[in-house]
Amino acid sequence: MIREHLLSFYQRNNKRKPKSIIYYRDGVSKGQFLQVLQSELIAIQKAWKSLDNQDPPPITFVVVQKRHRTRLFPTDLRLTDKSGNIVPGN
């Protein structure tokens, strides 16, 4: 799948290769970080090598984990909007 994405990028961007790759991943438990990193990073590198014999660009591997439903309650009501939500930046 990564190979097809790299080809698509190349074809849609005037035959230019990406200068960096950012890879987002969800559904990884703490105990699987290293395993997923090693296997999927190697797959990305192999996909790159299959298209270009040079080293791949920098690869940033981002794992999204645990979505919390955080609720914030202001201590000063002057810092809220009409609906009672905290104003951004406060």
PDB file of N, CA and C in Angstrom:
ATOM      1  N   MET A   1       0.825  -1.189   0.000  1.00  0.00           N
ATOM      2  CA  MET A   1       0.000   0.000   0.000  1.00  0.00           C
ATOM      3  C   MET A   1       0.873   1.258   0.000  1.00  0.00           C
ATOM      4  N   ILE A   2       1.951   1.256   0.770  1.00  0.00           N
ATOM      5  CA  ILE A   2       2.829   2.424   0.832  1.00  0.00           C
ATOM      6  C   ILE A   2       3.436   2.709  -0.542  1.00  0.00           C
ATOM      7  N   ARG A   3       3.806   1.663  -1.245  1.00  0.00           N
ATOM      8  CA  ARG A   3       4.394   1.838  -2.579  1.00  0.00           C
ATOM      9  C   ARG A   3       3.428   2.589  -3.498  1.00  0.00           C
ATOM     10  N   GLU A   4       2.144   2.215  -3.453  1.00  0.00           N
ATOM     11  CA  GLU A   4       1.148   2.886  -4.292  1.00  0.00           C
ATOM     12  C   GLU A   4       0.993   4.351  -3.893  1.00  0.00           C
ATOM     13  N   HIS A   5       1.054   4.636  -2.593  1.00  0.00           N
ATOM     14  CA  HIS A   5       0.957   6.023  -2.132  1.00  0.00           C
ATOM     15  C   HIS A   5       2.166   6.842  -2.604  1.00  0.00           C
ATOM     16  N   LEU A   6       3.341   6.256  -2.548  1.00  0.00           N
ATOM     17  CA  LEU A   6       4.539   6.953  -3.013  1.00  0.00           C
ATOM     18  C   LEU A   6       4.460   7.229  -4.514  1.00  0.00           C
ATOM     19  N   LEU A   7       4.011   6.246  -5.277  1.00  0.00           N
ATOM     20  CA  LEU A   7       3.848   6.439  -6.723  1.00  0.00           C
ATOM     21  C   LEU A   7       2.832   7.534  -7.023  1.00  0.00           C
ATOM     22  N   SER A   8       1.725   7.516  -6.306  1.00  0.00           N
ATOM     23  CA  SER A   8       0.683   8.521  -6.499  1.00  0.00           C
ATOM     24  C   SER A   8       1.215   9.916  -6.196  1.00  0.00           C
ATOM     25  N   PHE A   9       1.966  10.051  -5.118  1.00  0.00           N
ATOM     26  CA  PHE A   9       2.560  11.344  -4.766  1.00  0.00           C
ATOM     27  C   PHE A   9       3.469  11.821  -5.894  1.00  0.00           C
ATOM     28  N   TYR A  10       4.314  10.948  -6.364  1.00  0.00           N
ATOM     29  CA  TYR A  10       5.272  11.275  -7.424  1.00  0.00           C
ATOM     30  C   TYR A  10       4.553  11.735  -8.699  1.00  0.00           C
ATOM     31  N   GLN A  11       3.503  11.029  -9.075  1.00  0.00           N
ATOM     32  CA  GLN A  11       2.785  11.343 -10.302  1.00  0.00           C
ATOM     33  C   GLN A  11       1.979  12.638 -10.187  1.00  0.00           C
ATOM     34  N   ARG A  12       1.467  12.918  -9.005  1.00  0.00           N
ATOM     35  CA  ARG A  12       0.625  14.106  -8.829  1.00  0.00           C
ATOM     36  C   ARG A  12       1.411  15.364  -8.490  1.00  0.00           C
ATOM     37  N   ASN A  13       2.685  15.239  -8.210  1.00  0.00           N
ATOM     38  CA  ASN A  13       3.481  16.386  -7.789  1.00  0.00           C
ATOM     39  C   ASN A  13       4.648  16.656  -8.725  1.00  0.00           C
ATOM     40  N   ASN A  14       4.337  16.703 -10.024  1.00  0.00           N
ATOM     41  CA  ASN A  14       5.334  17.052 -11.050  1.00  0.00           C
ATOM     42  C   ASN A  14       6.597  16.202 -10.973  1.00  0.00           C
ATOM     43  N   LYS A  15       6.410  14.921 -10.749  1.00  0.00           N
ATOM     44  CA  LYS A  15       7.522  13.958 -10.722  1.00  0.00           C
ATOM     45  C   LYS A  15       8.532  14.270  -9.603  1.00  0.00           C
ATOM     46  N   ARG A  16       8.036  14.837  -8.506  1.00  0.00           N
ATOM     47  CA  ARG A  16       8.899  15.107  -7.345  1.00  0.00           C
ATOM     48  C   ARG A  16       8.654  14.063  -6.267  1.00  0.00           C
ATOM     49  N   LYS A  17       9.726  13.708  -5.583  1.00  0.00           N
ATOM     50  CA  LYS A  17       9.642  12.759  -4.479  1.00  0.00           C
ATOM     51  C   LYS A  17       9.363  13.516  -3.184  1.00  0.00           C
ATOM     52  N   PRO A  18       8.732  12.879  -2.217  1.00  0.00           N
ATOM     53  CA  PRO A  18       8.506  13.579  -0.946  1.00  0.00           C
ATOM     54  C   PRO A  18       9.824  13.871  -0.236  1.00  0.00           C
ATOM     55  N   LYS A  19       9.887  15.028   0.424  1.00  0.00           N
ATOM     56  CA  LYS A  19      11.084  15.402   1.181  1.00  0.00           C
ATOM     57  C   LYS A  19      11.063  14.783   2.574  1.00  0.00           C
ATOM     58  N   SER A  20       9.884  14.372   3.015  1.00  0.00           N
ATOM     59  CA  SER A  20       9.750  13.688   4.302  1.00  0.00           C
ATOM     60  C   SER A  20       8.456  12.874   4.259  1.00  0.00           C
ATOM     61  N   ILE A  21       8.381  11.912   5.152  1.00  0.00           N
ATOM     62  CA  ILE A  21       7.187  11.057   5.245  1.00  0.00           C
ATOM     63  C   ILE A  21       6.710  11.096   6.689  1.00  0.00           C
ATOM     64  N   ILE A  22       5.430  11.409   6.871  1.00  0.00           N
ATOM     65  CA  ILE A  22       4.820  11.367   8.201  1.00  0.00           C
ATOM     66  C   ILE A  22       3.792  10.253   8.166  1.00  0.00           C
ATOM     67  N   TYR A  23       3.939   9.320   9.086  1.00  0.00           N
ATOM     68  CA  TYR A  23       3.119   8.112   9.106  1.00  0.00           C
ATOM     69  C   TYR A  23       2.352   8.072  10.426  1.00  0.00           C
ATOM     70  N   TYR A  24       1.022   8.141  10.349  1.00  0.00           N
ATOM     71  CA  TYR A  24       0.177   8.089  11.543  1.00  0.00           C
ATOM     72  C   TYR A  24      -0.341   6.672  11.726  1.00  0.00           C
ATOM     73  N   ARG A  25      -0.351   6.218  12.965  1.00  0.00           N
ATOM     74  CA  ARG A  25      -0.801   4.846  13.260  1.00  0.00           C
ATOM     75  C   ARG A  25      -1.664   4.873  14.506  1.00  0.00           C
ATOM     76  N   ASP A  26      -2.756   4.169  14.471  1.00  0.00           N
ATOM     77  CA  ASP A  26      -3.666   4.053  15.612  1.00  0.00           C
ATOM     78  C   ASP A  26      -3.815   2.582  15.947  1.00  0.00           C
ATOM     79  N   GLY A  27      -4.290   2.296  17.136  1.00  0.00           N
ATOM     80  CA  GLY A  27      -4.575   0.921  17.519  1.00  0.00           C
ATOM     81  C   GLY A  27      -3.350   0.130  17.926  1.00  0.00           C
ATOM     82  N   VAL A  28      -2.380   0.794  18.519  1.00  0.00           N
ATOM     83  CA  VAL A  28      -1.161   0.116  18.953  1.00  0.00           C
ATOM     84  C   VAL A  28      -1.088   0.197  20.475  1.00  0.00           C
ATOM     85  N   SER A  29      -1.000  -0.943  21.120  1.00  0.00           N
ATOM     86  CA  SER A  29      -0.868  -0.938  22.576  1.00  0.00           C
ATOM     87  C   SER A  29       0.588  -0.688  22.950  1.00  0.00           C
ATOM     88  N   LYS A  30       0.808  -0.293  24.203  1.00  0.00           N
ATOM     89  CA  LYS A  30       2.173   0.007  24.648  1.00  0.00           C
ATOM     90  C   LYS A  30       3.130  -1.146  24.390  1.00  0.00           C
ATOM     91  N   GLY A  31       2.678  -2.356  24.584  1.00  0.00           N
ATOM     92  CA  GLY A  31       3.537  -3.519  24.408  1.00  0.00           C
ATOM     93  C   GLY A  31       3.879  -3.819  22.959  1.00  0.00           C
ATOM     94  N   GLN A  32       3.187  -3.172  22.020  1.00  0.00           N
ATOM     95  CA  GLN A  32       3.419  -3.436  20.595  1.00  0.00           C
ATOM     96  C   GLN A  32       4.226  -2.349  19.895  1.00  0.00           C
ATOM     97  N   PHE A  33       4.590  -1.264  20.597  1.00  0.00           N
ATOM     98  CA  PHE A  33       5.283  -0.151  19.954  1.00  0.00           C
ATOM     99  C   PHE A  33       6.480  -0.600  19.136  1.00  0.00           C
ATOM    100  N   LEU A  34       7.393  -1.283  19.758  1.00  0.00           N
ATOM    101  CA  LEU A  34       8.639  -1.663  19.089  1.00  0.00           C
ATOM    102  C   LEU A  34       8.374  -2.595  17.915  1.00  0.00           C
ATOM    103  N   GLN A  35       7.498  -3.568  18.104  1.00  0.00           N
ATOM    104  CA  GLN A  35       7.176  -4.522  17.038  1.00  0.00           C
ATOM    105  C   GLN A  35       6.582  -3.800  15.834  1.00  0.00           C
ATOM    106  N   VAL A  36       5.618  -2.908  16.067  1.00  0.00           N
ATOM    107  CA  VAL A  36       4.970  -2.178  14.976  1.00  0.00           C
ATOM    108  C   VAL A  36       5.969  -1.238  14.308  1.00  0.00           C
ATOM    109  N   LEU A  37       6.749  -0.532  15.116  1.00  0.00           N
ATOM    110  CA  LEU A  37       7.746   0.376  14.565  1.00  0.00           C
ATOM    111  C   LEU A  37       8.704  -0.362  13.647  1.00  0.00           C
ATOM    112  N   GLN A  38       9.254  -1.458  14.124  1.00  0.00           N
ATOM    113  CA  GLN A  38      10.234  -2.191  13.327  1.00  0.00           C
ATOM    114  C   GLN A  38       9.629  -2.738  12.044  1.00  0.00           C
ATOM    115  N   SER A  39       8.490  -3.400  12.141  1.00  0.00           N
ATOM    116  CA  SER A  39       7.930  -4.032  10.944  1.00  0.00           C
ATOM    117  C   SER A  39       7.420  -3.007   9.935  1.00  0.00           C
ATOM    118  N   GLU A  40       6.727  -1.973  10.404  1.00  0.00           N
ATOM    119  CA  GLU A  40       6.137  -1.021   9.467  1.00  0.00           C
ATOM    120  C   GLU A  40       7.168  -0.029   8.932  1.00  0.00           C
ATOM    121  N   LEU A  41       8.141   0.332   9.729  1.00  0.00           N
ATOM    122  CA  LEU A  41       9.203   1.206   9.240  1.00  0.00           C
ATOM    123  C   LEU A  41      10.020   0.491   8.166  1.00  0.00           C
ATOM    124  N   ILE A  42      10.303  -0.779   8.390  1.00  0.00           N
ATOM    125  CA  ILE A  42      11.030  -1.569   7.386  1.00  0.00           C
ATOM    126  C   ILE A  42      10.210  -1.667   6.098  1.00  0.00           C
ATOM    127  N   ALA A  43       8.899  -1.827   6.223  1.00  0.00           N
ATOM    128  CA  ALA A  43       8.035  -1.907   5.036  1.00  0.00           C
ATOM    129  C   ALA A  43       8.060  -0.597   4.249  1.00  0.00           C
ATOM    130  N   ILE A  44       8.054   0.531   4.954  1.00  0.00           N
ATOM    131  CA  ILE A  44       8.117   1.830   4.280  1.00  0.00           C
ATOM    132  C   ILE A  44       9.461   1.981   3.568  1.00  0.00           C
ATOM    133  N   GLN A  45      10.527   1.612   4.242  1.00  0.00           N
ATOM    134  CA  GLN A  45      11.861   1.704   3.631  1.00  0.00           C
ATOM    135  C   GLN A  45      11.979   0.800   2.412  1.00  0.00           C
ATOM    136  N   LYS A  46      11.435  -0.408   2.480  1.00  0.00           N
ATOM    137  CA  LYS A  46      11.467  -1.323   1.327  1.00  0.00           C
ATOM    138  C   LYS A  46      10.652  -0.769   0.162  1.00  0.00           C
ATOM    139  N   ALA A  47       9.494  -0.189   0.469  1.00  0.00           N
ATOM    140  CA  ALA A  47       8.664   0.403  -0.589  1.00  0.00           C
ATOM    141  C   ALA A  47       9.424   1.524  -1.284  1.00  0.00           C
ATOM    142  N   TRP A  48      10.120   2.341  -0.507  1.00  0.00           N
ATOM    143  CA  TRP A  48      10.916   3.427  -1.092  1.00  0.00           C
ATOM    144  C   TRP A  48      12.013   2.862  -1.977  1.00  0.00           C
ATOM    145  N   LYS A  49      12.731   1.875  -1.454  1.00  0.00           N
ATOM    146  CA  LYS A  49      13.856   1.276  -2.205  1.00  0.00           C
ATOM    147  C   LYS A  49      13.382   0.624  -3.508  1.00  0.00           C
ATOM    148  N   SER A  50      12.143   0.115  -3.518  1.00  0.00           N
ATOM    149  CA  SER A  50      11.636  -0.514  -4.739  1.00  0.00           C
ATOM    150  C   SER A  50      11.395   0.513  -5.843  1.00  0.00           C
ATOM    151  N   LEU A  51      11.271   1.781  -5.468  1.00  0.00           N
ATOM    152  CA  LEU A  51      11.032   2.839  -6.443  1.00  0.00           C
ATOM    153  C   LEU A  51      12.262   3.691  -6.713  1.00  0.00           C
ATOM    154  N   ASP A  52      13.149   3.763  -5.726  1.00  0.00           N
ATOM    155  CA  ASP A  52      14.322   4.632  -5.829  1.00  0.00           C
ATOM    156  C   ASP A  52      15.449   3.986  -5.035  1.00  0.00           C
ATOM    157  N   ASN A  53      16.594   3.861  -5.627  1.00  0.00           N
ATOM    158  CA  ASN A  53      17.696   3.167  -4.975  1.00  0.00           C
ATOM    159  C   ASN A  53      18.394   4.002  -3.898  1.00  0.00           C
ATOM    160  N   GLN A  54      17.983   5.263  -3.733  1.00  0.00           N
ATOM    161  CA  GLN A  54      18.567   6.122  -2.706  1.00  0.00           C
ATOM    162  C   GLN A  54      17.910   5.847  -1.350  1.00  0.00           C
ATOM    163  N   ASP A  55      18.542   6.369  -0.299  1.00  0.00           N
ATOM    164  CA  ASP A  55      17.947   6.252   1.033  1.00  0.00           C
ATOM    165  C   ASP A  55      16.647   7.050   1.080  1.00  0.00           C
ATOM    166  N   PRO A  56      15.677   6.580   1.867  1.00  0.00           N
ATOM    167  CA  PRO A  56      14.411   7.316   1.966  1.00  0.00           C
ATOM    168  C   PRO A  56      14.600   8.637   2.711  1.00  0.00           C
ATOM    169  N   PRO A  57      13.654   9.558   2.546  1.00  0.00           N
ATOM    170  CA  PRO A  57      13.729  10.817   3.291  1.00  0.00           C
ATOM    171  C   PRO A  57      13.446  10.539   4.777  1.00  0.00           C
ATOM    172  N   PRO A  58      13.580  11.552   5.628  1.00  0.00           N
ATOM    173  CA  PRO A  58      13.250  11.345   7.040  1.00  0.00           C
ATOM    174  C   PRO A  58      11.810  10.850   7.199  1.00  0.00           C
ATOM    175  N   ILE A  59      11.629   9.878   8.075  1.00  0.00           N
ATOM    176  CA  ILE A  59      10.303   9.302   8.323  1.00  0.00           C
ATOM    177  C   ILE A  59       9.922   9.579   9.770  1.00  0.00           C
ATOM    178  N   THR A  60       8.782  10.229   9.958  1.00  0.00           N
ATOM    179  CA  THR A  60       8.253  10.490  11.291  1.00  0.00           C
ATOM    180  C   THR A  60       7.109   9.512  11.527  1.00  0.00           C
ATOM    181  N   PHE A  61       7.219   8.756  12.586  1.00  0.00           N
ATOM    182  CA  PHE A  61       6.241   7.715  12.905  1.00  0.00           C
ATOM    183  C   PHE A  61       5.443   8.188  14.118  1.00  0.00           C
ATOM    184  N   VAL A  62       4.159   8.474  13.941  1.00  0.00           N
ATOM    185  CA  VAL A  62       3.311   9.005  15.008  1.00  0.00           C
ATOM    186  C   VAL A  62       2.282   7.949  15.385  1.00  0.00           C
ATOM    187  N   VAL A  63       2.258   7.589  16.668  1.00  0.00           N
ATOM    188  CA  VAL A  63       1.266   6.633  17.158  1.00  0.00           C
ATOM    189  C   VAL A  63       0.246   7.404  17.985  1.00  0.00           C
ATOM    190  N   VAL A  64      -1.017   7.322  17.581  1.00  0.00           N
ATOM    191  CA  VAL A  64      -2.102   7.966  18.310  1.00  0.00           C
ATOM    192  C   VAL A  64      -2.613   6.953  19.319  1.00  0.00           C
ATOM    193  N   GLN A  65      -2.742   7.397  20.555  1.00  0.00           N
ATOM    194  CA  GLN A  65      -3.099   6.448  21.596  1.00  0.00           C
ATOM    195  C   GLN A  65      -4.119   7.048  22.545  1.00  0.00           C
ATOM    196  N   LYS A  66      -4.970   6.250  23.060  1.00  0.00           N
ATOM    197  CA  LYS A  66      -5.968   6.588  24.078  1.00  0.00           C
ATOM    198  C   LYS A  66      -6.598   7.960  23.880  1.00  0.00           C
ATOM    199  N   ARG A  67      -7.776   7.924  23.372  1.00  0.00           N
ATOM    200  CA  ARG A  67      -8.537   9.163  23.233  1.00  0.00           C
ATOM    201  C   ARG A  67      -9.316   9.387  24.521  1.00  0.00           C
ATOM    202  N   HIS A  68      -8.988  10.444  25.223  1.00  0.00           N
ATOM    203  CA  HIS A  68      -9.675  10.759  26.472  1.00  0.00           C
ATOM    204  C   HIS A  68     -10.730  11.826  26.212  1.00  0.00           C
ATOM    205  N   ARG A  69     -11.781  11.739  26.934  1.00  0.00           N
ATOM    206  CA  ARG A  69     -12.803  12.783  26.862  1.00  0.00           C
ATOM    207  C   ARG A  69     -12.564  13.727  28.026  1.00  0.00           C
ATOM    208  N   THR A  70     -11.730  14.695  27.794  1.00  0.00           N
ATOM    209  CA  THR A  70     -11.354  15.638  28.836  1.00  0.00           C
ATOM    210  C   THR A  70     -12.373  16.759  28.907  1.00  0.00           C
ATOM    211  N   ARG A  71     -12.809  17.049  30.082  1.00  0.00           N
ATOM    212  CA  ARG A  71     -13.720  18.161  30.313  1.00  0.00           C
ATOM    213  C   ARG A  71     -13.003  19.153  31.221  1.00  0.00           C
ATOM    214  N   LEU A  72     -13.023  20.398  30.810  1.00  0.00           N
ATOM    215  CA  LEU A  72     -12.374  21.442  31.599  1.00  0.00           C
ATOM    216  C   LEU A  72     -13.435  22.390  32.136  1.00  0.00           C
ATOM    217  N   PHE A  73     -13.273  22.775  33.381  1.00  0.00           N
ATOM    218  CA  PHE A  73     -14.227  23.671  34.020  1.00  0.00           C
ATOM    219  C   PHE A  73     -13.473  24.898  34.509  1.00  0.00           C
ATOM    220  N   PRO A  74     -13.887  26.065  34.058  1.00  0.00           N
ATOM    221  CA  PRO A  74     -13.164  27.280  34.437  1.00  0.00           C
ATOM    222  C   PRO A  74     -13.389  27.642  35.906  1.00  0.00           C
ATOM    223  N   THR A  75     -12.365  28.212  36.491  1.00  0.00           N
ATOM    224  CA  THR A  75     -12.510  28.719  37.867  1.00  0.00           C
ATOM    225  C   THR A  75     -12.991  30.162  37.830  1.00  0.00           C
ATOM    226  N   ASP A  76     -12.856  30.803  36.687  1.00  0.00           N
ATOM    227  CA  ASP A  76     -13.296  32.188  36.518  1.00  0.00           C
ATOM    228  C   ASP A  76     -14.275  32.227  35.344  1.00  0.00           C
ATOM    229  N   LEU A  77     -15.537  32.502  35.605  1.00  0.00           N
ATOM    230  CA  LEU A  77     -16.568  32.487  34.561  1.00  0.00           C
ATOM    231  C   LEU A  77     -16.360  33.572  33.504  1.00  0.00           C
ATOM    232  N   ARG A  78     -15.520  34.537  33.767  1.00  0.00           N
ATOM    233  CA  ARG A  78     -15.228  35.569  32.764  1.00  0.00           C
ATOM    234  C   ARG A  78     -14.402  34.995  31.612  1.00  0.00           C
ATOM    235  N   LEU A  79     -13.820  33.806  31.807  1.00  0.00           N
ATOM    236  CA  LEU A  79     -12.990  33.174  30.774  1.00  0.00           C
ATOM    237  C   LEU A  79     -13.798  32.226  29.885  1.00  0.00           C
ATOM    238  N   THR A  80     -15.118  32.319  29.912  1.00  0.00           N
ATOM    239  CA  THR A  80     -15.966  31.438  29.111  1.00  0.00           C
ATOM    240  C   THR A  80     -16.711  32.226  28.041  1.00  0.00           C
ATOM    241  N   ASP A  81     -17.194  31.495  27.040  1.00  0.00           N
ATOM    242  CA  ASP A  81     -18.045  32.115  26.035  1.00  0.00           C
ATOM    243  C   ASP A  81     -19.504  31.977  26.462  1.00  0.00           C
ATOM    244  N   LYS A  82     -20.431  32.310  25.547  1.00  0.00           N
ATOM    245  CA  LYS A  82     -21.864  32.267  25.881  1.00  0.00           C
ATOM    246  C   LYS A  82     -22.329  30.870  26.300  1.00  0.00           C
ATOM    247  N   SER A  83     -21.729  29.851  25.716  1.00  0.00           N
ATOM    248  CA  SER A  83     -22.178  28.484  25.985  1.00  0.00           C
ATOM    249  C   SER A  83     -21.547  27.889  27.259  1.00  0.00           C
ATOM    250  N   GLY A  84     -20.592  28.624  27.864  1.00  0.00           N
ATOM    251  CA  GLY A  84     -19.938  28.113  29.066  1.00  0.00           C
ATOM    252  C   GLY A  84     -18.623  27.411  28.794  1.00  0.00           C
ATOM    253  N   ASN A  85     -18.253  27.326  27.503  1.00  0.00           N
ATOM    254  CA  ASN A  85     -16.968  26.704  27.158  1.00  0.00           C
ATOM    255  C   ASN A  85     -15.829  27.661  27.456  1.00  0.00           C
ATOM    256  N   ILE A  86     -14.676  27.100  27.791  1.00  0.00           N
ATOM    257  CA  ILE A  86     -13.502  27.915  28.031  1.00  0.00           C
ATOM    258  C   ILE A  86     -13.042  28.531  26.712  1.00  0.00           C
ATOM    259  N   VAL A  87     -12.704  29.802  26.743  1.00  0.00           N
ATOM    260  CA  VAL A  87     -12.231  30.501  25.549  1.00  0.00           C
ATOM    261  C   VAL A  87     -10.843  29.953  25.178  1.00  0.00           C
ATOM    262  N   PRO A  88     -10.585  29.721  23.884  1.00  0.00           N
ATOM    263  CA  PRO A  88      -9.267  29.191  23.483  1.00  0.00           C
ATOM    264  C   PRO A  88      -8.117  30.039  24.024  1.00  0.00           C
ATOM    265  N   GLY A  89      -7.078  29.362  24.470  1.00  0.00           N
ATOM    266  CA  GLY A  89      -5.893  30.040  24.977  1.00  0.00           C
ATOM    267  C   GLY A  89      -5.903  30.266  26.470  1.00  0.00           C
ATOM    268  N   ASN A  90      -6.990  29.935  27.141  1.00  0.00           N
ATOM    269  CA  ASN A  90      -7.064  30.160  28.595  1.00  0.00           C
ATOM    270  C   ASN A  90      -7.031  28.875  29.378  1.00  0.00           C
TER     271      ASN A  90
END
